[in-house]
């Protein structure tokens, strides 16, 4: 079951559990601890306390303050997006990006079923309906071939709009998600979106520090979004970012995330329904300190990934490598088992023995609120759902 490297194991011992023990022992040695090892814990070893204390001393701890502006500048400069707008989390960033892309109640938005639930939830917040298509094995993200096949079979362009022939609804946007920080095939997806008059919004929540053809994820479409949740590559505790190259959209994003308040020294006048989504200065102070360390964090994460890759080379358990033409941040390292039974046995063994591991997400169309959404066959997504496990991937303190 586990290859020639394990033939030395006695026939009367379950070879799976022998291999599982070796994996757990390797991870404990990698992190140099016998203590519980989380999947991805934040590391604060720079100016975090200094900046947070400075923020507290200034009394500007809410959504106004120098750290919010600075954090936006740092993310803009790093990703090379022309504009960056900070929000309270990645879900709110995606919600606003969808609204600014013109997604309205009754529309449809195509995304992948193999994703974190926030992707589908943000689509639903607009009143639109998610449509789920398959992913590629090579990226675990939205498949351009599956997208094109779905559109050829189910859609047509009428009067400049893409319409679903089955439902009569307008298909307005496509939202690929860069799974575990691995970029999807953006060049092909972007071309398909242009052919069918669809907005492209990249869910780059997991891919800060990931590049496709030397360009940062989140900068290929009309919008991209980032997340700074506590388990992400860098964190503000929460936090998100909207990326765009369109100045008008950037200004609208900032307006919509700050309750559409008309600027005035003392009056409270708001001229449209908007959202209280602005990132706090306190959170941004953490984010600024974390951004100062991003290059070293990414370097360390790639070193951890390289050690996992070397360890699994002699095993039938496959380690998931970055896709072609990409440089991944390896936010969460992933391995692929032969079947569901092996996956479940390892999840139980590793978590019972002090190493946190997690399966990939349940497919969105299998959740009760999305079970009636249109899908394609989701053949690859179903296969991966039964086999993928995430390993501890956080940066080590040392």
Protein backbone atom coordinates (compact mmCIF):
# COMPACT_ATOMS: atom_id res chain seq x y z
CA UNK A 1 0.00 0.00 0.00
CA UNK A 2 2.78 2.43 0.80
CA UNK A 3 5.42 1.43 -1.69
CA UNK A 4 8.77 -0.37 -1.84
CA UNK A 5 10.32 1.83 0.83
CA UNK A 6 8.02 0.14 3.35
CA UNK A 7 8.56 -3.49 2.33
CA UNK A 8 10.77 -4.00 5.36
CA UNK A 9 7.69 -3.78 7.58
CA UNK A 10 6.64 -7.12 9.02
CA UNK A 11 3.61 -8.74 7.44
CA UNK A 12 1.86 -8.98 10.77
CA UNK A 13 1.97 -5.21 11.42
CA UNK A 14 -0.42 -2.74 9.81
CA UNK A 15 1.91 -0.87 7.43
CA UNK A 16 -0.36 2.17 7.32
CA UNK A 17 0.03 2.93 11.01
CA UNK A 18 3.78 2.37 10.83
CA UNK A 19 3.97 4.99 8.09
CA UNK A 20 1.65 7.31 9.98
CA UNK A 21 3.95 7.13 12.98
CA UNK A 22 6.92 7.99 10.79
CA UNK A 23 5.07 11.03 9.44
CA UNK A 24 4.13 12.21 12.93
CA UNK A 25 7.68 11.67 14.19
CA UNK A 26 9.05 13.59 11.21
CA UNK A 27 6.74 16.54 11.91
CA UNK A 28 7.69 16.61 15.59
CA UNK A 29 11.35 16.59 14.60
CA UNK A 30 10.72 19.29 11.98
CA UNK A 31 9.19 21.55 14.62
CA UNK A 32 11.58 20.31 17.33
CA UNK A 33 8.91 19.75 19.94
CA UNK A 34 6.89 17.06 21.66
CA UNK A 35 4.16 19.59 22.43
CA UNK A 36 0.95 19.86 20.44
CA UNK A 37 1.68 21.16 16.92
CA UNK A 38 -1.08 23.34 15.38
CA UNK A 39 -1.82 23.52 11.69
CA UNK A 40 -0.71 27.13 11.29
CA UNK A 41 -0.08 29.44 14.24
CA UNK A 42 0.86 33.14 14.01
CA UNK A 43 4.38 34.20 14.93
CA UNK A 44 4.98 37.67 16.42
CA UNK A 45 8.69 38.32 16.59
CA UNK A 46 9.10 41.79 15.11
CA UNK A 47 7.59 45.21 15.86
CA UNK A 48 4.09 43.95 16.64
CA UNK A 49 4.02 44.99 20.31
CA UNK A 50 5.79 48.27 19.57
CA UNK A 51 3.29 49.29 16.88
CA UNK A 52 0.25 48.14 18.86
CA UNK A 53 1.41 50.10 21.90
CA UNK A 54 2.01 53.13 19.70
CA UNK A 55 -1.50 52.76 18.35
CA UNK A 56 -2.97 52.51 21.86
CA UNK A 57 -1.01 55.55 23.01
CA UNK A 58 -2.34 57.55 20.07
CA UNK A 59 -5.95 56.62 21.04
CA UNK A 60 -6.69 56.02 17.32
CA UNK A 61 -7.61 52.36 17.68
CA UNK A 62 -10.67 52.19 15.42
CA UNK A 63 -10.89 52.66 11.64
CA UNK A 64 -8.96 55.94 11.43
CA UNK A 65 -5.20 56.10 11.93
CA UNK A 66 -1.82 56.04 10.27
CA UNK A 67 -1.38 52.26 10.45
CA UNK A 68 -4.43 51.56 8.26
CA UNK A 69 -3.04 53.82 5.54
CA UNK A 70 0.46 52.36 5.94
CA UNK A 71 -0.80 48.79 5.75
CA UNK A 72 -2.59 49.57 2.50
CA UNK A 73 0.61 51.09 1.09
CA UNK A 74 2.66 48.04 2.08
CA UNK A 75 0.22 45.62 0.45
CA UNK A 76 -0.08 47.78 -2.64
CA UNK A 77 3.68 48.00 -3.05
CA UNK A 78 4.27 44.30 -2.41
CA UNK A 79 1.61 43.02 -4.80
CA UNK A 80 2.18 45.81 -7.34
CA UNK A 81 -1.54 46.49 -7.48
CA UNK A 82 -2.23 50.16 -8.11
CA UNK A 83 -4.67 50.40 -5.19
CA UNK A 84 -5.32 48.51 -1.98
CA UNK A 85 -8.25 49.04 0.40
CA UNK A 86 -8.18 47.48 3.87
CA UNK A 87 -11.24 45.70 5.25
CA UNK A 88 -12.17 43.84 8.42
CA UNK A 89 -11.69 40.39 6.86
CA UNK A 90 -11.31 38.62 3.54
CA UNK A 91 -15.02 37.79 3.28
CA UNK A 92 -16.01 41.46 3.49
CA UNK A 93 -13.35 42.28 0.89
CA UNK A 94 -14.82 39.70 -1.49
CA UNK A 95 -18.36 40.93 -0.82
CA UNK A 96 -17.42 44.49 -1.79
CA UNK A 97 -15.43 43.33 -4.83
CA UNK A 98 -18.48 41.43 -6.09
CA UNK A 99 -20.76 44.44 -5.59
CA UNK A 100 -18.35 46.74 -7.40
CA UNK A 101 -18.14 44.24 -10.26
CA UNK A 102 -21.86 44.76 -10.78
CA UNK A 103 -23.08 41.49 -9.29
CA UNK A 104 -26.74 41.92 -8.38
CA UNK A 105 -29.58 39.95 -6.83
CA UNK A 106 -30.68 37.22 -9.18
CA UNK A 107 -27.33 36.98 -10.99
CA UNK A 108 -25.09 33.91 -11.04
CA UNK A 109 -21.40 33.77 -10.16
CA UNK A 110 -19.21 30.83 -11.16
CA UNK A 111 -16.71 29.54 -8.64
CA UNK A 112 -15.27 26.23 -7.48
CA UNK A 113 -16.98 23.77 -5.15
CA UNK A 114 -13.63 22.92 -3.57
CA UNK A 115 -13.11 26.05 -1.49
CA UNK A 116 -13.61 27.51 1.97
CA UNK A 117 -17.24 28.42 2.60
CA UNK A 118 -16.51 32.17 2.69
CA UNK A 119 -16.16 32.21 -1.10
CA UNK A 120 -19.72 30.98 -1.62
CA UNK A 121 -21.08 32.99 1.30
CA UNK A 122 -19.78 36.29 -0.09
CA UNK A 123 -21.50 35.54 -3.41
CA UNK A 124 -24.74 34.84 -1.56
CA UNK A 125 -24.52 38.13 0.38
CA UNK A 126 -25.08 39.97 -2.91
CA UNK A 127 -28.26 38.02 -3.61
CA UNK A 128 -26.55 36.13 -6.43
CA UNK A 129 -26.49 32.36 -6.84
CA UNK A 130 -23.19 30.42 -6.84
CA UNK A 131 -22.53 27.98 -9.68
CA UNK A 132 -19.88 25.38 -8.95
CA UNK A 133 -17.49 23.94 -11.55
CA UNK A 134 -14.56 21.59 -11.25
CA UNK A 135 -10.91 22.14 -10.32
CA UNK A 136 -7.63 21.02 -11.86
CA UNK A 137 -5.54 18.30 -10.26
CA UNK A 138 -2.44 20.43 -10.91
CA UNK A 139 -3.64 23.45 -8.94
CA UNK A 140 -6.62 22.26 -6.86
CA UNK A 141 -8.17 25.53 -8.08
CA UNK A 142 -10.73 26.43 -10.73
CA UNK A 143 -10.12 24.57 -13.99
CA UNK A 144 -10.15 26.73 -17.13
CA UNK A 145 -11.14 23.67 -19.16
CA UNK A 146 -14.07 22.91 -16.86
CA UNK A 147 -15.06 26.58 -16.93
CA UNK A 148 -14.98 26.74 -20.72
CA UNK A 149 -16.88 23.45 -21.09
CA UNK A 150 -19.57 24.63 -18.68
CA UNK A 151 -20.02 27.92 -20.51
CA UNK A 152 -20.11 26.27 -23.95
CA UNK A 153 -22.81 23.87 -22.78
CA UNK A 154 -24.87 26.21 -20.64
CA UNK A 155 -24.31 29.84 -21.57
CA UNK A 156 -24.64 32.31 -24.41
CA UNK A 157 -23.76 35.96 -24.84
CA UNK A 158 -26.75 38.23 -25.48
CA UNK A 159 -26.53 42.01 -25.83
CA UNK A 160 -23.13 42.02 -24.15
CA UNK A 161 -24.21 39.84 -21.23
CA UNK A 162 -23.53 36.19 -20.47
CA UNK A 163 -26.82 34.34 -19.83
CA UNK A 164 -27.37 30.86 -18.41
CA UNK A 165 -29.61 29.10 -20.96
CA UNK A 166 -30.99 26.76 -18.27
CA UNK A 167 -32.02 29.36 -15.70
CA UNK A 168 -32.34 32.55 -17.74
CA UNK A 169 -30.17 34.34 -15.21
CA UNK A 170 -27.25 36.60 -16.05
CA UNK A 171 -23.85 35.08 -15.26
CA UNK A 172 -21.88 38.10 -14.11
CA UNK A 173 -18.55 36.99 -12.65
CA UNK A 174 -16.05 34.21 -12.10
CA UNK A 175 -14.29 33.76 -8.76
CA UNK A 176 -11.32 31.35 -8.79
CA UNK A 177 -9.74 30.61 -5.41
CA UNK A 178 -5.99 29.94 -5.13
CA UNK A 179 -6.18 26.81 -3.00
CA UNK A 180 -3.63 26.67 -0.17
CA UNK A 181 -1.76 29.49 -1.93
CA UNK A 182 -1.24 27.65 -5.24
CA UNK A 183 -2.13 29.88 -8.22
CA UNK A 184 -4.77 28.75 -10.69
CA UNK A 185 -4.15 28.97 -14.45
CA UNK A 186 -4.94 32.66 -14.56
CA UNK A 187 -3.98 33.42 -18.14
CA UNK A 188 -6.51 30.94 -19.53
CA UNK A 189 -9.25 31.86 -17.06
CA UNK A 190 -8.82 35.56 -17.80
CA UNK A 191 -9.17 34.94 -21.54
CA UNK A 192 -12.35 32.90 -21.03
CA UNK A 193 -13.82 35.67 -18.89
CA UNK A 194 -13.09 38.21 -21.61
CA UNK A 195 -14.67 35.98 -24.26
CA UNK A 196 -17.90 35.66 -22.26
CA UNK A 197 -18.04 39.23 -20.86
CA UNK A 198 -17.51 38.05 -17.28
CA UNK A 199 -15.82 39.93 -14.46
CA UNK A 200 -12.83 38.15 -12.94
CA UNK A 201 -12.44 38.41 -9.18
CA UNK A 202 -9.58 36.48 -7.62
CA UNK A 203 -10.13 35.00 -4.18
CA UNK A 204 -6.49 35.30 -3.12
CA UNK A 205 -7.31 34.96 0.58
CA UNK A 206 -4.71 32.20 0.94
CA UNK A 207 -2.11 33.38 -1.54
CA UNK A 208 -0.28 36.44 -0.23
CA UNK A 209 3.25 35.93 -1.52
CA UNK A 210 2.21 33.65 -4.42
CA UNK A 211 3.02 34.54 -8.02
CA UNK A 212 1.86 33.33 -11.43
CA UNK A 213 4.26 34.08 -14.27
CA UNK A 214 6.10 36.49 -11.94
CA UNK A 215 2.94 38.51 -11.23
CA UNK A 216 1.27 38.47 -7.83
CA UNK A 217 -2.04 36.66 -7.45
CA UNK A 218 -4.96 39.02 -7.05
CA UNK A 219 -3.70 41.40 -9.72
CA UNK A 220 -4.91 39.65 -12.89
CA UNK A 221 -8.63 40.32 -12.67
CA UNK A 222 -10.89 43.29 -12.07
CA UNK A 223 -10.37 42.73 -8.35
CA UNK A 224 -8.38 40.51 -6.03
CA UNK A 225 -8.80 40.03 -2.31
CA UNK A 226 -6.45 39.02 0.50
CA UNK A 227 -7.10 37.67 4.00
CA UNK A 228 -5.14 38.21 7.21
CA UNK A 229 -7.03 35.83 9.47
CA UNK A 230 -5.15 34.38 12.44
CA UNK A 231 -4.13 31.27 10.49
CA UNK A 232 -2.90 33.03 7.34
CA UNK A 233 0.70 33.59 6.20
CA UNK A 234 0.68 36.92 8.04
CA UNK A 235 -2.11 38.08 10.32
CA UNK A 236 -3.85 41.10 11.82
CA UNK A 237 -5.98 38.79 13.96
CA UNK A 238 -8.54 39.40 11.23
CA UNK A 239 -8.31 41.69 8.26
CA UNK A 240 -8.68 41.70 4.50
CA UNK A 241 -7.61 43.73 1.49
CA UNK A 242 -9.21 44.64 -1.83
CA UNK A 243 -6.74 44.93 -4.72
CA UNK A 244 -7.56 46.74 -7.96
CA UNK A 245 -5.89 48.77 -10.70
CA UNK A 246 -8.96 50.94 -11.21
CA UNK A 247 -8.90 54.23 -9.31
CA UNK A 248 -12.67 54.74 -9.45
CA UNK A 249 -13.28 51.25 -8.07
CA UNK A 250 -10.74 51.83 -5.31
CA UNK A 251 -12.46 55.05 -4.25
CA UNK A 252 -15.86 53.33 -4.33
CA UNK A 253 -14.47 50.43 -2.28
CA UNK A 254 -13.21 52.75 0.40
CA UNK A 255 -16.51 54.58 0.44
CA UNK A 256 -18.63 51.43 0.67
CA UNK A 257 -16.48 50.03 3.48
CA UNK A 258 -16.82 53.21 5.56
CA UNK A 259 -20.65 53.49 5.63
CA UNK A 260 -20.69 55.98 2.71
CA UNK A 261 -20.20 58.89 5.06
CA UNK A 262 -20.02 62.28 3.37
CA UNK A 263 -16.82 64.01 4.60
CA UNK A 264 -17.58 66.77 7.10
CA UNK A 265 -15.96 68.05 10.26
CA UNK A 266 -18.94 67.20 12.46
CA UNK A 267 -22.06 66.25 10.48
CA UNK A 268 -23.18 62.64 10.07
CA UNK A 269 -24.54 62.39 6.53
CA UNK A 270 -24.60 59.13 4.59
CA UNK A 271 -25.89 59.10 1.02
CA UNK A 272 -26.24 55.40 0.20
CA UNK A 273 -26.55 52.02 1.91
CA UNK A 274 -23.04 50.88 2.71
CA UNK A 275 -21.04 48.76 5.17
CA UNK A 276 -18.98 49.14 8.31
CA UNK A 277 -16.16 47.03 6.88
CA UNK A 278 -13.09 49.21 7.43
CA UNK A 279 -10.07 47.59 9.11
CA UNK A 280 -9.20 48.99 12.53
CA UNK A 281 -5.99 50.90 13.11
CA UNK A 282 -5.19 48.48 15.94
CA UNK A 283 -5.35 45.48 13.62
CA UNK A 284 -3.42 47.34 10.92
CA UNK A 285 -0.59 47.99 13.40
CA UNK A 286 -0.15 44.22 13.65
CA UNK A 287 -0.35 43.94 9.88
CA UNK A 288 2.39 46.51 9.31
CA UNK A 289 4.76 44.66 11.61
CA UNK A 290 3.93 41.36 9.94
CA UNK A 291 4.50 42.78 6.45
CA UNK A 292 8.01 43.77 7.50
CA UNK A 293 8.73 40.07 8.01
CA UNK A 294 6.88 38.68 4.99
CA UNK A 295 9.95 37.82 2.90
CA UNK A 296 11.58 35.87 5.72
CA UNK A 297 8.30 34.12 6.55
CA UNK A 298 7.86 33.04 2.94
CA UNK A 299 11.44 31.80 2.79
CA UNK A 300 10.97 29.72 5.92
CA UNK A 301 7.68 28.30 4.67
CA UNK A 302 9.29 27.20 1.41
CA UNK A 303 12.04 25.51 3.40
CA UNK A 304 9.45 23.61 5.43
CA UNK A 305 7.70 22.62 2.19
CA UNK A 306 10.98 21.39 0.69
CA UNK A 307 11.58 19.16 3.71
CA UNK A 308 8.09 17.68 3.40
CA UNK A 309 8.67 17.12 -0.31
CA UNK A 310 11.93 15.26 0.34
CA UNK A 311 10.32 13.15 3.06
CA UNK A 312 7.43 11.98 0.88
CA UNK A 313 9.47 11.30 -2.26
CA UNK A 314 9.90 7.63 -1.34
CA UNK A 315 6.27 7.20 -0.33
CA UNK A 316 3.08 6.46 -2.25
CA UNK A 317 1.56 9.34 -0.33
CA UNK A 318 1.97 12.28 -2.70
CA UNK A 319 3.13 15.73 -1.60
CA UNK A 320 1.41 18.56 -3.48
CA UNK A 321 3.93 20.78 -5.28
CA UNK A 322 3.47 24.27 -6.66
CA UNK A 323 1.95 24.32 -10.18
CA UNK A 324 3.84 25.07 -13.38
CA UNK A 325 4.70 28.74 -14.00
CA UNK A 326 3.99 29.51 -10.35
CA UNK A 327 5.77 30.37 -7.14
CA UNK A 328 3.54 29.38 -4.24
CA UNK A 329 3.59 30.60 -0.68
CA UNK A 330 2.83 27.05 0.53
CA UNK A 331 0.33 28.49 3.00
CA UNK A 332 -0.84 25.00 3.91
CA UNK A 333 1.16 21.97 2.84
CA UNK A 334 -0.97 19.15 1.47
CA UNK A 335 -0.54 15.43 0.95
CA UNK A 336 -2.76 13.10 -1.05
CA UNK A 337 -3.68 9.60 0.13
CA UNK A 338 -4.74 6.66 -2.00
CA UNK A 339 -8.32 6.62 -0.75
CA UNK A 340 -10.76 7.87 1.86
CA UNK A 341 -10.04 5.07 4.33
CA UNK A 342 -6.32 5.88 4.41
CA UNK A 343 -7.08 9.58 4.77
CA UNK A 344 -9.41 9.05 7.70
CA UNK A 345 -7.06 6.64 9.46
CA UNK A 346 -4.22 9.16 9.24
CA UNK A 347 -6.38 12.04 10.43
CA UNK A 348 -7.36 10.06 13.49
CA UNK A 349 -3.81 8.84 14.21
CA UNK A 350 -2.08 12.22 13.81
CA UNK A 351 -4.62 14.21 15.81
CA UNK A 352 -4.58 11.56 18.54
CA UNK A 353 -0.80 11.93 18.73
CA UNK A 354 -0.40 15.67 19.10
CA UNK A 355 -0.14 16.77 15.46
CA UNK A 356 -3.02 18.77 14.04
CA UNK A 357 -3.99 17.71 10.54
CA UNK A 358 -7.14 18.56 8.63
CA UNK A 359 -8.97 17.27 5.55
CA UNK A 360 -9.70 19.55 2.66
CA UNK A 361 -13.07 21.29 2.78
CA UNK A 362 -16.39 19.58 2.20
CA UNK A 363 -17.59 20.48 -1.30
CA UNK A 364 -19.87 23.51 -1.27
CA UNK A 365 -22.72 21.75 -3.10
CA UNK A 366 -22.76 19.12 -0.34
CA UNK A 367 -23.56 21.76 2.30
CA UNK A 368 -27.30 22.16 2.98
CA UNK A 369 -27.53 25.82 1.91
CA UNK A 370 -25.85 25.18 -1.45
CA UNK A 371 -27.13 21.73 -2.36
CA UNK A 372 -29.50 23.06 -5.03
CA UNK A 373 -26.85 25.10 -6.88
CA UNK A 374 -25.97 24.17 -10.44
CA UNK A 375 -22.70 22.22 -10.90
CA UNK A 376 -20.79 20.30 -13.50
CA UNK A 377 -19.63 16.75 -12.71
CA UNK A 378 -17.07 17.98 -10.11
CA UNK A 379 -15.16 14.79 -10.84
CA UNK A 380 -11.73 16.06 -9.75
CA UNK A 381 -13.18 17.92 -6.77
CA UNK A 382 -14.83 14.77 -5.42
CA UNK A 383 -11.63 12.77 -5.89
CA UNK A 384 -9.54 15.35 -4.01
CA UNK A 385 -12.11 15.75 -1.23
CA UNK A 386 -11.65 12.09 -0.32
CA UNK A 387 -7.85 12.16 -0.27
CA UNK A 388 -6.27 15.54 0.62
CA UNK A 389 -4.90 16.27 4.10
CA UNK A 390 -3.18 19.43 5.32
CA UNK A 391 -0.06 19.16 7.49
CA UNK A 392 1.32 21.69 10.01
CA UNK A 393 2.72 24.56 7.95
CA UNK A 394 3.39 27.43 10.32
CA UNK A 395 6.74 29.16 10.62
CA UNK A 396 8.92 27.92 13.44
CA UNK A 397 9.83 30.32 16.23
CA UNK A 398 13.57 29.62 16.06
